[in-house]
PDB file of N, CA and C in Angstrom:
ATOM      1  N   MET A   1       0.914 -21.431  -3.057  1.00  0.00           N
ATOM      2  CA  MET A   1       1.622 -20.111  -3.432  1.00  0.00           C
ATOM      3  C   MET A   1       1.632 -19.205  -2.666  1.00  0.00           C
ATOM      4  N   SER A   2       0.363 -18.788  -2.066  1.00  0.00           N
ATOM      5  CA  SER A   2       0.226 -17.471  -1.407  1.00  0.00           C
ATOM      6  C   SER A   2       1.064 -17.559   0.099  1.00  0.00           C
ATOM      7  N   LEU A   3       1.459 -18.723   0.674  1.00  0.00           N
ATOM      8  CA  LEU A   3       2.261 -18.857   1.793  1.00  0.00           C
ATOM      9  C   LEU A   3       3.604 -18.608   1.348  1.00  0.00           C
ATOM     10  N   ILE A   4       4.194 -19.327   0.092  1.00  0.00           N
ATOM     11  CA  ILE A   4       5.729 -19.066  -0.407  1.00  0.00           C
ATOM     12  C   ILE A   4       5.847 -17.687  -0.887  1.00  0.00           C
ATOM     13  N   GLY A   5       4.775 -17.191  -1.677  1.00  0.00           N
ATOM     14  CA  GLY A   5       4.546 -15.820  -2.076  1.00  0.00           C
ATOM     15  C   GLY A   5       4.812 -14.642  -0.962  1.00  0.00           C
ATOM     16  N   ASN A   6       4.186 -14.950  -0.093  1.00  0.00           N
ATOM     17  CA  ASN A   6       4.214 -14.242   1.077  1.00  0.00           C
ATOM     18  C   ASN A   6       5.588 -13.995   1.992  1.00  0.00           C
ATOM     19  N   LEU A   7       6.052 -15.006   1.971  1.00  0.00           N
ATOM     20  CA  LEU A   7       7.730 -15.152   2.732  1.00  0.00           C
ATOM     21  C   LEU A   7       8.549 -14.794   1.818  1.00  0.00           C
ATOM     22  N   ILE A   8       8.757 -14.827   0.488  1.00  0.00           N
ATOM     23  CA  ILE A   8       9.536 -14.296  -0.446  1.00  0.00           C
ATOM     24  C   ILE A   8       9.293 -13.020  -0.398  1.00  0.00           C
ATOM     25  N   TRP A   9       8.163 -12.333  -0.379  1.00  0.00           N
ATOM     26  CA  TRP A   9       7.713 -11.101  -0.553  1.00  0.00           C
ATOM     27  C   TRP A   9       8.263 -10.480   0.938  1.00  0.00           C
ATOM     28  N   PHE A  10       7.875 -10.835   1.991  1.00  0.00           N
ATOM     29  CA  PHE A  10       8.267 -10.527   2.957  1.00  0.00           C
ATOM     30  C   PHE A  10       9.602 -10.026   3.044  1.00  0.00           C
ATOM     31  N   ILE A  11      10.511 -11.093   2.665  1.00  0.00           N
ATOM     32  CA  ILE A  11      12.102 -10.832   2.814  1.00  0.00           C
ATOM     33  C   ILE A  11      12.597  -9.634   1.769  1.00  0.00           C
ATOM     34  N   PHE A  12      11.904  -9.558   0.599  1.00  0.00           N
ATOM     35  CA  PHE A  12      12.556  -8.827  -0.683  1.00  0.00           C
ATOM     36  C   PHE A  12      11.797  -7.424  -0.238  1.00  0.00           C
ATOM     37  N   ALA A  13      10.426  -6.974  -0.097  1.00  0.00           N
ATOM     38  CA  ALA A  13       9.878  -6.134  -0.358  1.00  0.00           C
ATOM     39  C   ALA A  13       8.677  -5.639   0.878  1.00  0.00           C
ATOM     40  N   GLY A  14       8.105  -6.680   1.475  1.00  0.00           N
ATOM     41  CA  GLY A  14       7.102  -6.352   2.473  1.00  0.00           C
ATOM     42  C   GLY A  14       7.407  -5.806   3.601  1.00  0.00           C
ATOM     43  N   LEU A  15       8.826  -5.989   4.310  1.00  0.00           N
ATOM     44  CA  LEU A  15       8.849  -5.588   5.286  1.00  0.00           C
ATOM     45  C   LEU A  15       9.424  -3.915   5.329  1.00  0.00           C
ATOM     46  N   TRP A  16      10.089  -3.731   3.965  1.00  0.00           N
ATOM     47  CA  TRP A  16       9.885  -2.061   3.628  1.00  0.00           C
ATOM     48  C   TRP A  16       8.923  -1.511   3.522  1.00  0.00           C
ATOM     49  N   SER A  17       8.198  -2.024   2.964  1.00  0.00           N
ATOM     50  CA  SER A  17       6.596  -1.621   2.628  1.00  0.00           C
ATOM     51  C   SER A  17       5.699  -1.170   3.646  1.00  0.00           C
ATOM     52  N   PHE A  18       6.154  -2.255   4.728  1.00  0.00           N
ATOM     53  CA  PHE A  18       5.548  -2.156   6.080  1.00  0.00           C
ATOM     54  C   PHE A  18       5.850  -1.084   6.978  1.00  0.00           C
ATOM     55  N   ILE A  19       7.125  -1.213   7.116  1.00  0.00           N
ATOM     56  CA  ILE A  19       7.945   0.219   7.948  1.00  0.00           C
ATOM     57  C   ILE A  19       7.551   1.348   7.048  1.00  0.00           C
ATOM     58  N   THR A  20       7.492   1.669   5.854  1.00  0.00           N
ATOM     59  CA  THR A  20       7.364   3.152   5.066  1.00  0.00           C
ATOM     60  C   THR A  20       5.571   3.425   5.677  1.00  0.00           C
ATOM     61  N   TRP A  21       5.035   2.501   5.335  1.00  0.00           N
ATOM     62  CA  TRP A  21       3.387   2.885   5.646  1.00  0.00           C
ATOM     63  C   TRP A  21       2.958   2.831   7.057  1.00  0.00           C
ATOM     64  N   THR A  22       3.923   2.208   8.055  1.00  0.00           N
ATOM     65  CA  THR A  22       3.682   2.285   9.369  1.00  0.00           C
ATOM     66  C   THR A  22       3.917   3.751   9.996  1.00  0.00           C
ATOM     67  N   ILE A  23       5.418   4.298   9.303  1.00  0.00           N
ATOM     68  CA  ILE A  23       5.969   5.439   9.851  1.00  0.00           C
ATOM     69  C   ILE A  23       5.045   6.484   9.237  1.00  0.00           C
ATOM     70  N   SER A  24       4.395   6.451   8.087  1.00  0.00           N
ATOM     71  CA  SER A  24       3.316   7.445   7.660  1.00  0.00           C
ATOM     72  C   SER A  24       2.188   7.552   8.438  1.00  0.00           C
ATOM     73  N   GLY A  25       2.021   6.424   8.848  1.00  0.00           N
ATOM     74  CA  GLY A  25       0.551   6.306   9.909  1.00  0.00           C
ATOM     75  C   GLY A  25       0.846   7.188  11.165  1.00  0.00           C
ATOM     76  N   ILE A  26       2.122   6.874  11.771  1.00  0.00           N
ATOM     77  CA  ILE A  26       2.483   7.092  13.082  1.00  0.00           C
ATOM     78  C   ILE A  26       2.659   8.795  12.887  1.00  0.00           C
ATOM     79  N   LEU A  27       3.157   9.247  11.639  1.00  0.00           N
ATOM     80  CA  LEU A  27       3.536  10.768  11.762  1.00  0.00           C
ATOM     81  C   LEU A  27       2.071  11.388  11.272  1.00  0.00           C
ATOM     82  N   LEU A  28       1.477  11.143  10.643  1.00  0.00           N
ATOM     83  CA  LEU A  28       0.089  11.534  10.639  1.00  0.00           C
ATOM     84  C   LEU A  28      -0.870  11.418  11.909  1.00  0.00           C
ATOM     85  N   CYS A  29      -0.899  10.544  12.766  1.00  0.00           N
ATOM     86  CA  CYS A  29      -1.832  10.336  13.822  1.00  0.00           C
ATOM     87  C   CYS A  29      -1.160  11.240  15.064  1.00  0.00           C
ATOM     88  N   LEU A  30      -0.109  12.095  14.653  1.00  0.00           N
ATOM     89  CA  LEU A  30       0.537  12.885  15.688  1.00  0.00           C
ATOM     90  C   LEU A  30      -0.628  14.195  15.929  1.00  0.00           C
ATOM     91  N   SER A  31      -1.256  14.636  14.442  1.00  0.00           N
ATOM     92  CA  SER A  31      -2.058  15.516  14.668  1.00  0.00           C
ATOM     93  C   SER A  31      -3.612  15.093  14.621  1.00  0.00           C
ATOM     94  N   ILE A  32      -4.648  15.334  15.296  1.00  0.00           N
ATOM     95  CA  ILE A  32      -5.902  14.980  15.326  1.00  0.00           C
ATOM     96  C   ILE A  32      -6.729  15.149  14.028  1.00  0.00           C
ATOM     97  N   VAL A  33      -6.468  15.786  13.269  1.00  0.00           N
ATOM     98  CA  VAL A  33      -6.562  15.939  11.692  1.00  0.00           C
ATOM     99  C   VAL A  33      -6.216  14.902  10.768  1.00  0.00           C
ATOM    100  N   GLY A  34      -4.911  14.414  10.960  1.00  0.00           N
ATOM    101  CA  GLY A  34      -4.355  13.422  10.458  1.00  0.00           C
ATOM    102  C   GLY A  34      -4.711  12.025  10.724  1.00  0.00           C
ATOM    103  N   ILE A  35      -5.566  11.695  12.076  1.00  0.00           N
ATOM    104  CA  ILE A  35      -5.998  10.440  12.317  1.00  0.00           C
ATOM    105  C   ILE A  35      -6.536   9.391  11.367  1.00  0.00           C
ATOM    106  N   PRO A  36      -7.727  10.182  10.473  1.00  0.00           N
ATOM    107  CA  PRO A  36      -8.497   9.123   9.631  1.00  0.00           C
ATOM    108  C   PRO A  36      -7.253   8.717   8.460  1.00  0.00           C
ATOM    109  N   LEU A  37      -6.381   9.825   8.145  1.00  0.00           N
ATOM    110  CA  LEU A  37      -5.223   9.348   7.509  1.00  0.00           C
ATOM    111  C   LEU A  37      -4.390   8.430   7.876  1.00  0.00           C
ATOM    112  N   GLY A  38      -4.029   8.404   9.037  1.00  0.00           N
ATOM    113  CA  GLY A  38      -3.184   7.786   9.569  1.00  0.00           C
ATOM    114  C   GLY A  38      -3.640   6.400   9.722  1.00  0.00           C
ATOM    115  N   LEU A  39      -4.769   6.220  10.144  1.00  0.00           N
ATOM    116  CA  LEU A  39      -5.457   4.859  10.147  1.00  0.00           C
ATOM    117  C   LEU A  39      -5.514   3.884   8.888  1.00  0.00           C
ATOM    118  N   GLN A  40      -5.886   4.868   7.853  1.00  0.00           N
ATOM    119  CA  GLN A  40      -5.653   4.097   6.445  1.00  0.00           C
ATOM    120  C   GLN A  40      -4.344   3.329   5.972  1.00  0.00           C
ATOM    121  N   CYS A  41      -3.209   4.377   6.635  1.00  0.00           N
ATOM    122  CA  CYS A  41      -2.013   3.965   6.524  1.00  0.00           C
ATOM    123  C   CYS A  41      -1.679   2.966   7.366  1.00  0.00           C
ATOM    124  N   PHE A  42      -2.092   2.469   8.433  1.00  0.00           N
ATOM    125  CA  PHE A  42      -2.039   1.173   8.970  1.00  0.00           C
ATOM    126  C   PHE A  42      -2.874  -0.066   8.394  1.00  0.00           C
ATOM    127  N   LYS A  43      -4.171   0.421   7.853  1.00  0.00           N
ATOM    128  CA  LYS A  43      -4.643  -0.745   7.253  1.00  0.00           C
ATOM    129  C   LYS A  43      -3.885  -1.225   6.006  1.00  0.00           C
ATOM    130  N   ILE A  44      -3.543  -0.043   5.219  1.00  0.00           N
ATOM    131  CA  ILE A  44      -2.661  -0.602   4.096  1.00  0.00           C
ATOM    132  C   ILE A  44      -1.272  -1.328   4.434  1.00  0.00           C
ATOM    133  N   ALA A  45      -0.684  -0.811   5.365  1.00  0.00           N
ATOM    134  CA  ALA A  45       0.761  -1.539   6.085  1.00  0.00           C
ATOM    135  C   ALA A  45       0.140  -2.932   6.444  1.00  0.00           C
ATOM    136  N   SER A  46      -0.650  -3.351   6.821  1.00  0.00           N
ATOM    137  CA  SER A  46      -0.967  -4.606   7.017  1.00  0.00           C
ATOM    138  C   SER A  46      -1.059  -5.554   5.683  1.00  0.00           C
ATOM    139  N   PHE A  47      -1.858  -4.956   4.680  1.00  0.00           N
ATOM    140  CA  PHE A  47      -1.652  -5.562   3.230  1.00  0.00           C
ATOM    141  C   PHE A  47      -0.502  -5.381   2.734  1.00  0.00           C
ATOM    142  N   GLY A  48       0.513  -4.254   2.836  1.00  0.00           N
ATOM    143  CA  GLY A  48       1.866  -4.565   2.388  1.00  0.00           C
ATOM    144  C   GLY A  48       2.768  -5.420   3.023  1.00  0.00           C
ATOM    145  N   LEU A  49       2.467  -6.002   4.060  1.00  0.00           N
ATOM    146  CA  LEU A  49       3.234  -6.868   4.745  1.00  0.00           C
ATOM    147  C   LEU A  49       3.087  -8.509   4.410  1.00  0.00           C
ATOM    148  N   PHE A  50       2.037  -8.669   3.787  1.00  0.00           N
ATOM    149  CA  PHE A  50       1.481 -10.126   3.211  1.00  0.00           C
ATOM    150  C   PHE A  50       0.443  -9.898   2.315  1.00  0.00           C
ATOM    151  N   PRO A  51       0.675  -9.502   1.048  1.00  0.00           N
ATOM    152  CA  PRO A  51      -0.310  -8.965   0.113  1.00  0.00           C
ATOM    153  C   PRO A  51      -0.891 -10.279  -0.535  1.00  0.00           C
ATOM    154  N   PHE A  52      -0.321 -11.645  -0.824  1.00  0.00           N
ATOM    155  CA  PHE A  52      -0.759 -12.710  -1.397  1.00  0.00           C
ATOM    156  C   PHE A  52      -1.870 -13.228  -0.725  1.00  0.00           C
ATOM    157  N   GLY A  53      -2.918 -13.782  -1.556  1.00  0.00           N
ATOM    158  CA  GLY A  53      -4.082 -14.172  -0.948  1.00  0.00           C
ATOM    159  C   GLY A  53      -5.040 -13.295  -0.392  1.00  0.00           C
ATOM    160  N   LYS A  54      -4.806 -11.955  -0.835  1.00  0.00           N
ATOM    161  CA  LYS A  54      -5.749 -10.865  -0.376  1.00  0.00           C
ATOM    162  C   LYS A  54      -6.199  -9.892  -1.707  1.00  0.00           C
ATOM    163  N   GLU A  55      -7.187  -9.302  -1.879  1.00  0.00           N
ATOM    164  CA  GLU A  55      -7.428  -8.821  -2.956  1.00  0.00           C
ATOM    165  C   GLU A  55      -8.179  -7.264  -2.603  1.00  0.00           C
ATOM    166  N   VAL A  56      -7.713  -6.472  -3.506  1.00  0.00           N
ATOM    167  CA  VAL A  56      -8.339  -4.890  -3.056  1.00  0.00           C
ATOM    168  C   VAL A  56      -9.567  -4.607  -3.713  1.00  0.00           C
ATOM    169  N   VAL A  57     -10.479  -4.259  -3.182  1.00  0.00           N
ATOM    170  CA  VAL A  57     -11.823  -3.995  -3.824  1.00  0.00           C
ATOM    171  C   VAL A  57     -11.861  -2.294  -3.709  1.00  0.00           C
ATOM    172  N   ILE A  58     -12.164  -1.714  -4.995  1.00  0.00           N
ATOM    173  CA  ILE A  58     -12.529  -0.252  -4.727  1.00  0.00           C
ATOM    174  C   ILE A  58     -13.875   0.159  -4.731  1.00  0.00           C
ATOM    175  N   SER A  59     -13.993   0.867  -3.812  1.00  0.00           N
ATOM    176  CA  SER A  59     -15.445   1.451  -3.697  1.00  0.00           C
ATOM    177  C   SER A  59     -15.746   2.552  -4.900  1.00  0.00           C
ATOM    178  N   SER A  60     -17.214   2.549  -5.125  1.00  0.00           N
ATOM    179  CA  SER A  60     -17.557   3.523  -6.139  1.00  0.00           C
ATOM    180  C   SER A  60     -18.056   4.628  -5.432  1.00  0.00           C
ATOM    181  N   ARG A  61     -18.190   5.061  -4.194  1.00  0.00           N
ATOM    182  CA  ARG A  61     -18.382   5.949  -3.624  1.00  0.00           C
ATOM    183  C   ARG A  61     -17.758   7.071  -3.681  1.00  0.00           C
ATOM    184  N   ASN A  62     -18.363   8.366  -3.658  1.00  0.00           N
ATOM    185  CA  ASN A  62     -17.596   9.429  -3.914  1.00  0.00           C
ATOM    186  C   ASN A  62     -17.518  10.501  -2.477  1.00  0.00           C
ATOM    187  N   THR A  63     -17.645   9.286  -1.574  1.00  0.00           N
ATOM    188  CA  THR A  63     -17.554  10.025  -0.083  1.00  0.00           C
ATOM    189  C   THR A  63     -16.144  10.640   0.248  1.00  0.00           C
ATOM    190  N   SER A  64     -15.175   9.899  -0.377  1.00  0.00           N
ATOM    191  CA  SER A  64     -13.583   9.892   0.143  1.00  0.00           C
ATOM    192  C   SER A  64     -13.199  10.895  -0.873  1.00  0.00           C
ATOM    193  N   LEU A  65     -13.407  11.517  -1.883  1.00  0.00           N
ATOM    194  CA  LEU A  65     -12.836  12.167  -2.668  1.00  0.00           C
ATOM    195  C   LEU A  65     -11.701  13.158  -2.181  1.00  0.00           C
ATOM    196  N   ILE A  66     -12.713  14.107  -1.379  1.00  0.00           N
ATOM    197  CA  ILE A  66     -11.891  15.178  -0.627  1.00  0.00           C
ATOM    198  C   ILE A  66     -10.745  14.683   0.044  1.00  0.00           C
ATOM    199  N   LEU A  67     -10.869  13.560   0.881  1.00  0.00           N
ATOM    200  CA  LEU A  67      -9.691  12.884   1.584  1.00  0.00           C
ATOM    201  C   LEU A  67      -8.600  12.203   0.842  1.00  0.00           C
ATOM    202  N   ASN A  68      -9.021  11.890  -0.534  1.00  0.00           N
ATOM    203  CA  ASN A  68      -7.889  11.217  -1.304  1.00  0.00           C
ATOM    204  C   ASN A  68      -7.323  12.468  -1.941  1.00  0.00           C
ATOM    205  N   ILE A  69      -8.003  13.550  -2.172  1.00  0.00           N
ATOM    206  CA  ILE A  69      -7.140  14.657  -2.790  1.00  0.00           C
ATOM    207  C   ILE A  69      -5.909  15.413  -1.858  1.00  0.00           C
ATOM    208  N   ILE A  70      -6.396  15.548  -0.630  1.00  0.00           N
ATOM    209  CA  ILE A  70      -5.676  15.600   0.546  1.00  0.00           C
ATOM    210  C   ILE A  70      -4.499  14.640   0.615  1.00  0.00           C
ATOM    211  N   TRP A  71      -4.950  13.623   0.382  1.00  0.00           N
ATOM    212  CA  TRP A  71      -4.073  12.448   0.957  1.00  0.00           C
ATOM    213  C   TRP A  71      -2.738  12.379  -0.395  1.00  0.00           C
ATOM    214  N   ILE A  72      -3.116  12.787  -1.669  1.00  0.00           N
ATOM    215  CA  ILE A  72      -2.153  12.606  -2.584  1.00  0.00           C
ATOM    216  C   ILE A  72      -1.201  13.658  -2.856  1.00  0.00           C
ATOM    217  N   VAL A  73      -1.850  15.150  -2.271  1.00  0.00           N
ATOM    218  CA  VAL A  73      -1.108  15.951  -2.235  1.00  0.00           C
ATOM    219  C   VAL A  73      -0.062  16.005  -0.959  1.00  0.00           C
ATOM    220  N   LEU A  74      -0.087  15.357   0.338  1.00  0.00           N
ATOM    221  CA  LEU A  74       0.414  15.433   1.239  1.00  0.00           C
ATOM    222  C   LEU A  74       1.331  14.278   1.298  1.00  0.00           C
ATOM    223  N   PHE A  75       1.033  13.035   1.249  1.00  0.00           N
ATOM    224  CA  PHE A  75       2.023  11.777   1.373  1.00  0.00           C
ATOM    225  C   PHE A  75       1.948  10.878  -0.040  1.00  0.00           C
ATOM    226  N   GLY A  76       0.867  10.972  -0.266  1.00  0.00           N
ATOM    227  CA  GLY A  76       0.417   9.797  -1.598  1.00  0.00           C
ATOM    228  C   GLY A  76       1.648   9.759  -2.524  1.00  0.00           C
ATOM    229  N   TRP A  77       1.675  10.888  -3.025  1.00  0.00           N
ATOM    230  CA  TRP A  77       2.840  10.427  -4.214  1.00  0.00           C
ATOM    231  C   TRP A  77       4.077  10.325  -3.937  1.00  0.00           C
ATOM    232  N   GLU A  78       4.500  10.336  -2.520  1.00  0.00           N
ATOM    233  CA  GLU A  78       5.936  10.004  -2.085  1.00  0.00           C
ATOM    234  C   GLU A  78       5.851   8.680  -1.938  1.00  0.00           C
ATOM    235  N   LEU A  79       4.636   7.954  -1.271  1.00  0.00           N
ATOM    236  CA  LEU A  79       4.552   6.433  -1.222  1.00  0.00           C
ATOM    237  C   LEU A  79       4.419   5.662  -2.611  1.00  0.00           C
ATOM    238  N   ALA A  80       3.829   6.465  -3.548  1.00  0.00           N
ATOM    239  CA  ALA A  80       3.330   5.885  -4.854  1.00  0.00           C
ATOM    240  C   ALA A  80       5.029   5.735  -5.559  1.00  0.00           C
ATOM    241  N   ILE A  81       6.070   6.479  -5.434  1.00  0.00           N
ATOM    242  CA  ILE A  81       7.306   6.607  -5.957  1.00  0.00           C
ATOM    243  C   ILE A  81       8.085   5.349  -5.422  1.00  0.00           C
ATOM    244  N   VAL A  82       7.605   5.331  -4.027  1.00  0.00           N
ATOM    245  CA  VAL A  82       8.557   4.169  -3.454  1.00  0.00           C
ATOM    246  C   VAL A  82       8.065   2.941  -4.007  1.00  0.00           C
ATOM    247  N   HIS A  83       6.609   2.617  -4.253  1.00  0.00           N
ATOM    248  CA  HIS A  83       6.243   1.308  -4.556  1.00  0.00           C
ATOM    249  C   HIS A  83       6.684   1.082  -6.213  1.00  0.00           C
ATOM    250  N   LEU A  84       6.544   2.341  -7.062  1.00  0.00           N
ATOM    251  CA  LEU A  84       6.711   2.195  -8.536  1.00  0.00           C
ATOM    252  C   LEU A  84       8.169   1.740  -8.588  1.00  0.00           C
ATOM    253  N   THR A  85       9.219   2.477  -7.909  1.00  0.00           N
ATOM    254  CA  THR A  85      10.900   2.052  -7.611  1.00  0.00           C
ATOM    255  C   THR A  85      10.938   0.470  -7.322  1.00  0.00           C
ATOM    256  N   THR A  86      10.009   0.031  -6.453  1.00  0.00           N
ATOM    257  CA  THR A  86      10.429  -1.009  -6.079  1.00  0.00           C
ATOM    258  C   THR A  86       9.630  -2.186  -7.176  1.00  0.00           C
ATOM    259  N   ALA A  87       8.899  -1.899  -7.966  1.00  0.00           N
ATOM    260  CA  ALA A  87       8.296  -2.673  -9.001  1.00  0.00           C
ATOM    261  C   ALA A  87       8.961  -2.858 -10.046  1.00  0.00           C
ATOM    262  N   PHE A  88       9.797  -1.745 -10.061  1.00  0.00           N
ATOM    263  CA  PHE A  88      10.808  -1.530 -11.712  1.00  0.00           C
ATOM    264  C   PHE A  88      12.096  -2.552 -11.163  1.00  0.00           C
ATOM    265  N   PHE A  89      12.584  -2.641  -9.941  1.00  0.00           N
ATOM    266  CA  PHE A  89      13.767  -3.492  -9.723  1.00  0.00           C
ATOM    267  C   PHE A  89      12.953  -5.101  -9.752  1.00  0.00           C
ATOM    268  N   LEU A  90      11.709  -5.081  -9.172  1.00  0.00           N
ATOM    269  CA  LEU A  90      11.511  -6.635  -9.168  1.00  0.00           C
ATOM    270  C   LEU A  90      11.236  -6.974 -10.610  1.00  0.00           C
ATOM    271  N   CYS A  91      10.622  -6.200 -11.614  1.00  0.00           N
ATOM    272  CA  CYS A  91      10.574  -6.476 -12.986  1.00  0.00           C
ATOM    273  C   CYS A  91      11.870  -6.878 -13.611  1.00  0.00           C
ATOM    274  N   ILE A  92      12.655  -6.895 -12.895  1.00  0.00           N
ATOM    275  CA  ILE A  92      14.142  -7.290 -13.879  1.00  0.00           C
ATOM    276  C   ILE A  92      14.348  -8.661 -14.165  1.00  0.00           C
ATOM    277  N   THR A  93      13.859  -9.405 -13.411  1.00  0.00           N
ATOM    278  CA  THR A  93      13.751 -10.943 -13.566  1.00  0.00           C
ATOM    279  C   THR A  93      12.362 -11.407 -13.751  1.00  0.00           C
ATOM    280  N   ILE A  94      12.128 -12.467 -14.318  1.00  0.00           N
ATOM    281  CA  ILE A  94      11.079 -13.032 -14.527  1.00  0.00           C
ATOM    282  C   ILE A  94      10.217 -13.766 -13.334  1.00  0.00           C
ATOM    283  N   ILE A  95      10.985 -13.841 -12.188  1.00  0.00           N
ATOM    284  CA  ILE A  95      10.668 -14.449 -10.958  1.00  0.00           C
ATOM    285  C   ILE A  95       9.913 -13.244 -10.045  1.00  0.00           C
ATOM    286  N   GLY A  96      10.496 -12.107 -10.526  1.00  0.00           N
ATOM    287  CA  GLY A  96       9.779 -10.808  -9.812  1.00  0.00           C
ATOM    288  C   GLY A  96       8.627 -10.258 -10.333  1.00  0.00           C
ATOM    289  N   ILE A  97       8.328 -10.658 -11.082  1.00  0.00           N
ATOM    290  CA  ILE A  97       7.093 -10.007 -12.017  1.00  0.00           C
ATOM    291  C   ILE A  97       5.560 -10.030 -11.189  1.00  0.00           C
ATOM    292  N   PRO A  98       5.388 -11.428 -10.505  1.00  0.00           N
ATOM    293  CA  PRO A  98       4.458 -11.380  -9.500  1.00  0.00           C
ATOM    294  C   PRO A  98       4.466 -10.467  -8.375  1.00  0.00           C
ATOM    295  N   PHE A  99       5.760 -10.258  -7.791  1.00  0.00           N
ATOM    296  CA  PHE A  99       5.964  -9.505  -6.619  1.00  0.00           C
ATOM    297  C   PHE A  99       5.695  -8.206  -7.117  1.00  0.00           C
ATOM    298  N   ALA A 100       6.197  -7.801  -8.501  1.00  0.00           N
ATOM    299  CA  ALA A 100       5.907  -6.423  -8.928  1.00  0.00           C
ATOM    300  C   ALA A 100       4.552  -5.933  -9.043  1.00  0.00           C
ATOM    301  N   LYS A 101       3.683  -7.178  -9.696  1.00  0.00           N
ATOM    302  CA  LYS A 101       2.186  -6.648  -9.809  1.00  0.00           C
ATOM    303  C   LYS A 101       1.771  -6.351  -8.061  1.00  0.00           C
ATOM    304  N   GLN A 102       2.240  -6.694  -7.051  1.00  0.00           N
ATOM    305  CA  GLN A 102       2.004  -6.652  -5.665  1.00  0.00           C
ATOM    306  C   GLN A 102       1.862  -5.294  -5.285  1.00  0.00           C
ATOM    307  N   CYS A 103       3.364  -4.723  -5.941  1.00  0.00           N
ATOM    308  CA  CYS A 103       3.959  -3.332  -5.534  1.00  0.00           C
ATOM    309  C   CYS A 103       2.935  -2.263  -6.398  1.00  0.00           C
ATOM    310  N   LEU A 104       2.459  -2.637  -7.958  1.00  0.00           N
ATOM    311  CA  LEU A 104       1.844  -2.071  -8.561  1.00  0.00           C
ATOM    312  C   LEU A 104       0.338  -1.786  -7.591  1.00  0.00           C
ATOM    313  N   LYS A 105      -0.201  -2.738  -6.925  1.00  0.00           N
ATOM    314  CA  LYS A 105      -1.686  -2.776  -6.059  1.00  0.00           C
ATOM    315  C   LYS A 105      -1.238  -1.603  -5.278  1.00  0.00           C
ATOM    316  N   LEU A 106       0.041  -1.887  -4.618  1.00  0.00           N
ATOM    317  CA  LEU A 106       0.261  -0.845  -3.576  1.00  0.00           C
ATOM    318  C   LEU A 106       0.338   0.400  -4.211  1.00  0.00           C
ATOM    319  N   THR A 107       0.796   0.810  -5.051  1.00  0.00           N
ATOM    320  CA  THR A 107       1.034   1.970  -5.801  1.00  0.00           C
ATOM    321  C   THR A 107      -0.215   2.617  -6.069  1.00  0.00           C
ATOM    322  N   GLN A 108      -1.344   1.825  -6.346  1.00  0.00           N
ATOM    323  CA  GLN A 108      -2.452   2.634  -6.475  1.00  0.00           C
ATOM    324  C   GLN A 108      -3.396   2.893  -5.380  1.00  0.00           C
ATOM    325  N   MET A 109      -2.948   1.949  -4.268  1.00  0.00           N
ATOM    326  CA  MET A 109      -3.527   2.375  -2.788  1.00  0.00           C
ATOM    327  C   MET A 109      -2.733   3.423  -2.361  1.00  0.00           C
ATOM    328  N   SER A 110      -1.385   3.436  -2.736  1.00  0.00           N
ATOM    329  CA  SER A 110      -0.648   4.690  -2.213  1.00  0.00           C
ATOM    330  C   SER A 110      -1.343   6.159  -2.681  1.00  0.00           C
ATOM    331  N   LEU A 111      -2.015   6.076  -3.805  1.00  0.00           N
ATOM    332  CA  LEU A 111      -2.559   7.320  -4.578  1.00  0.00           C
ATOM    333  C   LEU A 111      -4.047   7.459  -3.880  1.00  0.00           C
ATOM    334  N   PHE A 112      -4.674   6.386  -3.938  1.00  0.00           N
ATOM    335  CA  PHE A 112      -6.260   6.639  -3.356  1.00  0.00           C
ATOM    336  C   PHE A 112      -6.557   5.466  -2.305  1.00  0.00           C
ATOM    337  N   PRO A 113      -6.238   6.098  -1.354  1.00  0.00           N
ATOM    338  CA  PRO A 113      -6.325   5.009   0.121  1.00  0.00           C
ATOM    339  C   PRO A 113      -7.900   4.934   0.590  1.00  0.00           C
ATOM    340  N   PHE A 114      -8.659   6.098   0.121  1.00  0.00           N
ATOM    341  CA  PHE A 114      -9.999   6.136   1.003  1.00  0.00           C
ATOM    342  C   PHE A 114     -10.825   5.782  -0.121  1.00  0.00           C
ATOM    343  N   GLY A 115     -11.830   4.681   0.288  1.00  0.00           N
ATOM    344  CA  GLY A 115     -12.781   3.872  -0.338  1.00  0.00           C
ATOM    345  C   GLY A 115     -12.379   2.719  -0.909  1.00  0.00           C
ATOM    346  N   ILE A 116     -11.749   1.972  -0.558  1.00  0.00           N
ATOM    347  CA  ILE A 116     -10.505   0.706  -0.702  1.00  0.00           C
ATOM    348  C   ILE A 116     -11.276  -0.188   0.595  1.00  0.00           C
ATOM    349  N   ARG A 117     -11.231  -1.536   0.092  1.00  0.00           N
ATOM    350  CA  ARG A 117     -11.487  -2.543   0.990  1.00  0.00           C
ATOM    351  C   ARG A 117     -10.596  -3.867   0.770  1.00  0.00           C
ATOM    352  N   ILE A 118     -10.073  -3.953   1.672  1.00  0.00           N
ATOM    353  CA  ILE A 118      -9.210  -5.391   1.692  1.00  0.00           C
ATOM    354  C   ILE A 118      -9.740  -6.687   1.916  1.00  0.00           C
ATOM    355  N   VAL A 119      -9.997  -7.553   1.111  1.00  0.00           N
ATOM    356  CA  VAL A 119     -10.707  -9.051   1.512  1.00  0.00           C
ATOM    357  C   VAL A 119      -9.827 -10.007   1.119  1.00  0.00           C
ATOM    358  N   LYS A 120      -9.959 -11.328   1.547  1.00  0.00           N
ATOM    359  CA  LYS A 120      -9.269 -12.515   1.511  1.00  0.00           C
ATOM    360  C   LYS A 120      -9.764 -12.811   0.216  1.00  0.00           C
ATOM    361  N   GLU A 121      -9.257 -13.501  -0.955  1.00  0.00           N
ATOM    362  CA  GLU A 121      -9.600 -14.436  -1.645  1.00  0.00           C
ATOM    363  C   GLU A 121     -10.067 -15.692  -1.296  1.00  0.00           C
TER     364      GLU A 121
END
């Protein structure tokens, strides 16, 4: 299922998700202060390209709270809106519901990218 899901995801939403996260990462890496934020973008971009067969694990450490707050104010809310809009359009059909769930994972990662790990199932 993960191979077929990843192929369908890539065609309809994955490529756009990857491009959005990669452009955000490149823009953030232009400054020295934004490099940690940009590196998180690249990590999430690889998840956004082929999300099926991977799980997001949220850490309970509070060390990344300040970075998450800075992230939400600068870039997080824009990326979250993109993923929520995509999830809405994918929910129109029954077939799109599993893909919308992946978009909602990306929405959560858009708001709080620090303190997450991506592991294979």
